[in-house]
Each structure stands twice: as structure tokens, then as C-alpha cells.
């Protein structure tokens, strides 16, 4: 009788079988993969949100420099400032001083600061809205500039609108056919510019930065 009880006790104390261990390990691995993917997606989403606010802050910085008279070229303070975006360079954008006040980024000679886009993110799309329209038309280049005393934004699609010095009150377009008001909004007829930033991970929602001709900036 005692022998049979011992035998039953020993059979109850047996450990896990190999199959049971494999099942447990598989469950742990699945949970780990899901948690790791969720963490990576969350981090990419945070990085993209930070990028969108970096873009908005760069535009705001250009507005502050352009309206509050930051020293430009040499001893002259009468220059506009802007931010340049291009879909051909999706991994960077530039803060620049508009040294010839043509509302257009002329290259490294006007560069103030270069912003790099990292973490597998990019400037994926640019578009502008014409005055009186609600349709945003895709463009490949976007220059957003500000110049005192006007806090409004000039939404330019990569065209040099002026060929005059900073003290001149009128703006001559590159085709030289007519003189326009010094207001870039009149020259470009654009009421809004949009910059879309996205991640290489399609599961991360894109962010759009809207810059209005009134000078307002919003992140969506």
C-alpha cells in the first residue's frame, strides 16, 4: 500500500514535457515581437511628430528674423528670411536670408542653417493653395519668406520674383513684363503652403504643416 502511494506521488511531481515548453516559449516570443513592433511604431510616430514641429518652428524662426530685423548681409538689416523645401531633397530643408529679396532661395550663398531629416523620415509632398481656391496643387519646390514690416508669409513655388535691392519699393518679375506691388502675396497669388512629412513605415500617419499667407502656422 505504501509503495503504491509513493509511485503516485512521483508521477504527480513530473516536470513539463518538451511540447509544453515549446508552446510556452512560442507564446513568449510572439508577445515579445508584438511588444517590440508596437514600441518601434510608437517611437517612429514620436519622431515624426517632432519633425513636424521642427518644420513649424523653422518657419516661425524665419518670420521672427524677417519681421524683427535680424542682421543680414554685412551691416544691412533690411532683408527677408525664409525656409526652403524641395521634394528632390526630402532629407533636409534650409533656413535662409533672402539677400536679394526675390522671395527665392538662391543656394548656399543665402544659407543660414541646414536642417537634416533623420530616423527614416522625409519631406514627402509639397503643395500650394491659390487665392480664392480650396484645392492644394502639388509643387516640387516651396520657399516661404517673411520681410518687415509685413508679418504675412510669401508662399513662393521656386520663382525669383524680384531683381531689385532691398530699398526698392517695387518688385519686377523675372520675365520683366510688368512691375508688381512689393507684396509677394499679390505677385504669387498663393494663400497657403503645405509641407507633408512622412515615415518609411506606412503604418505611421503622415503630418502636414500648413503655412497661411496671413502668417499663421498649424500642424495637422
Protein backbone atom coordinates (compact mmCIF):
# COMPACT_ATOMS: atom_id res chain seq x y z
CA UNK A 1 0.00 0.00 0.00
CA UNK A 2 2.81 2.38 0.90
CA UNK A 3 4.69 1.54 -2.31
CA UNK A 4 1.70 2.47 -4.49
CA UNK A 5 1.29 5.83 -2.76
CA UNK A 6 4.96 6.69 -3.43
CA UNK A 7 4.61 5.79 -7.05
CA UNK A 8 1.58 8.08 -7.44
CA UNK A 9 3.39 10.91 -5.68
CA UNK A 10 6.39 10.63 -8.01
CA UNK A 11 4.15 10.67 -11.08
CA UNK A 12 2.46 13.91 -9.88
CA UNK A 13 5.82 15.67 -9.40
CA UNK A 14 6.97 15.23 -13.00
CA UNK A 15 8.11 18.42 -14.83
CA UNK A 16 6.88 19.98 -18.10
CA UNK A 17 7.06 17.96 -21.26
CA UNK A 18 9.11 19.19 -24.22
CA UNK A 19 5.96 20.12 -26.13
CA UNK A 20 4.67 22.20 -23.23
CA UNK A 21 7.99 24.05 -23.02
CA UNK A 22 7.94 24.77 -26.75
CA UNK A 23 4.40 26.12 -26.54
CA UNK A 24 5.33 28.44 -23.66
CA UNK A 25 8.46 29.66 -25.47
CA UNK A 26 6.43 30.31 -28.64
CA UNK A 27 3.89 32.38 -26.70
CA UNK A 28 6.70 34.41 -25.09
CA UNK A 29 8.33 35.02 -28.49
CA UNK A 30 5.05 36.19 -30.06
CA UNK A 31 4.39 38.59 -27.18
CA UNK A 32 7.96 39.92 -27.43
CA UNK A 33 7.67 40.53 -31.20
CA UNK A 34 4.32 42.32 -30.81
CA UNK A 35 5.65 44.50 -27.98
CA UNK A 36 8.83 45.30 -29.94
CA UNK A 37 6.87 46.27 -33.07
CA UNK A 38 4.49 48.44 -31.04
CA UNK A 39 7.43 50.19 -29.37
CA UNK A 40 9.17 50.82 -32.71
CA UNK A 41 5.98 52.18 -34.29
CA UNK A 42 5.37 54.43 -31.28
CA UNK A 43 8.94 55.77 -31.43
CA UNK A 44 8.67 56.50 -35.16
CA UNK A 45 5.40 58.29 -34.57
CA UNK A 46 7.01 60.45 -31.87
CA UNK A 47 10.00 61.23 -34.12
CA UNK A 48 7.67 62.24 -36.95
CA UNK A 49 5.68 64.50 -34.62
CA UNK A 50 8.93 66.12 -33.50
CA UNK A 51 9.93 66.63 -37.14
CA UNK A 52 6.65 68.34 -37.97
CA UNK A 53 7.10 70.75 -35.08
CA UNK A 54 10.72 71.35 -36.10
CA UNK A 55 9.46 72.42 -39.53
CA UNK A 56 6.85 74.70 -37.99
CA UNK A 57 9.44 76.23 -35.63
CA UNK A 58 11.86 76.82 -38.52
CA UNK A 59 9.14 78.75 -40.37
CA UNK A 60 8.37 80.70 -37.20
CA UNK A 61 12.07 81.46 -36.78
CA UNK A 62 12.21 82.86 -40.33
CA UNK A 63 9.18 85.00 -39.50
CA UNK A 64 10.82 86.36 -36.35
CA UNK A 65 14.07 87.12 -38.18
CA UNK A 66 12.30 88.73 -41.13
CA UNK A 67 9.91 90.88 -39.10
CA UNK A 68 12.12 91.70 -36.12
CA UNK A 69 15.11 92.85 -38.20
CA UNK A 70 17.90 90.33 -37.76
CA UNK A 71 21.17 91.46 -39.24
CA UNK A 72 21.51 90.14 -42.76
CA UNK A 73 24.39 90.62 -45.16
CA UNK A 74 27.20 92.90 -44.00
CA UNK A 75 25.87 95.78 -41.92
CA UNK A 76 22.46 95.77 -43.61
CA UNK A 77 19.34 94.76 -41.70
CA UNK A 78 16.78 95.23 -44.46
CA UNK A 79 16.47 91.63 -45.64
CA UNK A 80 13.81 88.98 -45.57
CA UNK A 81 14.22 85.46 -44.22
CA UNK A 82 12.69 82.23 -45.37
CA UNK A 83 12.62 78.43 -45.34
CA UNK A 84 13.26 76.37 -48.47
CA UNK A 85 11.75 72.93 -49.17
CA UNK A 86 12.25 70.65 -52.16
CA UNK A 87 10.91 67.18 -52.91
CA UNK A 88 14.20 66.46 -54.71
CA UNK A 89 15.94 66.83 -51.32
CA UNK A 90 13.48 65.08 -48.98
CA UNK A 91 16.02 64.57 -46.20
CA UNK A 92 16.70 68.27 -45.49
CA UNK A 93 15.31 71.80 -45.57
CA UNK A 94 17.03 75.19 -45.24
CA UNK A 95 16.64 78.41 -43.30
CA UNK A 96 17.98 81.25 -45.47
CA UNK A 97 18.46 85.01 -45.61
CA UNK A 98 16.82 86.46 -48.72
CA UNK A 99 19.81 88.68 -49.53
CA UNK A 100 18.39 89.96 -52.84
CA UNK A 101 14.79 89.98 -51.60
CA UNK A 102 13.47 87.94 -54.50
CA UNK A 103 11.45 85.59 -52.23
CA UNK A 104 13.54 82.72 -53.58
CA UNK A 105 16.34 80.55 -52.22
CA UNK A 106 19.42 81.18 -54.36
CA UNK A 107 21.57 78.44 -52.83
CA UNK A 108 24.42 78.18 -50.33
CA UNK A 109 25.23 81.90 -50.62
CA UNK A 110 21.99 82.60 -48.71
CA UNK A 111 22.10 79.61 -46.35
CA UNK A 112 21.75 80.33 -42.63
CA UNK A 113 21.08 76.84 -41.30
CA UNK A 114 20.54 73.41 -42.81
CA UNK A 115 18.08 71.06 -41.09
CA UNK A 116 18.63 67.34 -41.61
CA UNK A 117 15.71 64.89 -41.58
CA UNK A 118 16.62 61.58 -39.92
CA UNK A 119 15.04 58.40 -38.48
CA UNK A 120 13.77 57.21 -41.88
CA UNK A 121 11.53 60.24 -42.25
CA UNK A 122 11.31 62.67 -45.16
CA UNK A 123 9.59 65.69 -46.67
CA UNK A 124 7.28 63.66 -48.88
CA UNK A 125 5.00 66.25 -50.53
CA UNK A 126 4.57 69.98 -51.10
CA UNK A 127 1.54 71.86 -52.37
CA UNK A 128 0.07 75.37 -52.53
CA UNK A 129 -3.44 76.82 -52.47
CA UNK A 130 -4.22 79.72 -54.79
CA UNK A 131 -6.11 82.77 -53.53
CA UNK A 132 -9.85 82.07 -53.74
CA UNK A 133 -9.38 78.31 -54.13
CA UNK A 134 -9.50 75.33 -51.77
CA UNK A 135 -7.51 72.96 -53.99
CA UNK A 136 -3.90 72.29 -52.97
CA UNK A 137 -1.80 71.83 -56.11
CA UNK A 138 1.36 69.73 -55.84
CA UNK A 139 4.69 71.50 -56.38
CA UNK A 140 8.30 70.35 -56.24
CA UNK A 141 9.80 73.46 -54.59
CA UNK A 142 8.44 75.74 -51.89
CA UNK A 143 10.00 78.91 -50.47
CA UNK A 144 8.25 80.61 -47.56
CA UNK A 145 9.65 84.07 -46.81
CA UNK A 146 8.97 86.99 -44.47
CA UNK A 147 10.15 90.59 -44.68
CA UNK A 148 9.45 93.55 -42.48
CA UNK A 149 7.25 95.37 -41.79
CA UNK A 150 4.77 92.79 -43.08
CA UNK A 151 4.27 89.69 -40.87
CA UNK A 152 2.49 87.92 -43.73
CA UNK A 153 4.10 84.92 -45.39
CA UNK A 154 5.14 84.87 -49.03
CA UNK A 155 4.28 81.45 -50.49
CA UNK A 156 6.56 81.01 -53.48
CA UNK A 157 6.95 77.93 -55.69
CA UNK A 158 10.57 78.42 -56.69
CA UNK A 159 10.37 81.52 -58.90
CA UNK A 160 12.64 84.55 -58.48
CA UNK A 161 10.11 87.41 -58.31
CA UNK A 162 12.39 90.38 -57.78
CA UNK A 163 15.54 91.70 -59.37
CA UNK A 164 15.92 94.76 -57.17
CA UNK A 165 17.72 95.78 -53.98
CA UNK A 166 16.17 95.78 -50.52
CA UNK A 167 15.42 99.52 -50.53
CA UNK A 168 13.33 99.43 -53.73
CA UNK A 169 9.59 99.65 -53.23
CA UNK A 170 8.57 97.71 -56.34
CA UNK A 171 9.15 94.15 -57.41
CA UNK A 172 9.94 93.21 -61.01
CA UNK A 173 9.18 89.61 -62.03
CA UNK A 174 11.86 87.62 -63.84
CA UNK A 175 10.06 87.96 -67.17
CA UNK A 176 10.35 91.77 -66.85
CA UNK A 177 6.88 92.28 -68.37
CA UNK A 178 5.35 94.32 -65.55
CA UNK A 179 6.03 95.90 -62.20
CA UNK A 180 4.10 94.42 -59.32
CA UNK A 181 3.36 95.57 -55.81
CA UNK A 182 6.09 94.83 -53.28
CA UNK A 183 3.60 92.45 -51.67
CA UNK A 184 4.64 88.93 -52.62
CA UNK A 185 1.09 87.69 -52.00
CA UNK A 186 -0.08 89.80 -54.91
CA UNK A 187 2.75 88.52 -57.08
CA UNK A 188 2.38 84.82 -56.29
CA UNK A 189 -1.41 84.72 -55.74
CA UNK A 190 -0.91 81.96 -53.16
CA UNK A 191 -2.85 81.92 -49.89
CA UNK A 192 -1.41 78.78 -48.33
CA UNK A 193 1.53 76.39 -48.50
CA UNK A 194 1.57 72.84 -47.12
CA UNK A 195 4.52 70.65 -46.21
CA UNK A 196 3.84 66.95 -45.67
CA UNK A 197 6.31 64.83 -43.72
CA UNK A 198 6.09 61.04 -43.53
CA UNK A 199 7.85 57.91 -42.34
CA UNK A 200 9.11 54.92 -44.30
CA UNK A 201 6.79 52.89 -42.09
CA UNK A 202 3.35 53.09 -43.81
CA UNK A 203 1.59 52.39 -40.51
CA UNK A 204 2.74 55.77 -39.11
CA UNK A 205 0.29 58.55 -40.08
CA UNK A 206 1.70 61.48 -42.07
CA UNK A 207 1.82 65.02 -40.66
CA UNK A 208 1.04 68.20 -42.59
CA UNK A 209 2.32 71.66 -41.71
CA UNK A 210 0.11 74.44 -43.08
CA UNK A 211 1.51 77.95 -43.51
CA UNK A 212 -1.05 80.62 -44.38
CA UNK A 213 -0.30 83.89 -46.16
CA UNK A 214 -1.54 85.66 -43.01
CA UNK A 215 1.49 84.26 -41.15
CA UNK A 216 -0.38 81.58 -39.21
CA UNK A 217 1.20 78.12 -38.89
CA UNK A 218 -0.58 74.90 -37.93
CA UNK A 219 0.44 71.25 -37.62
CA UNK A 220 -2.06 68.54 -38.51
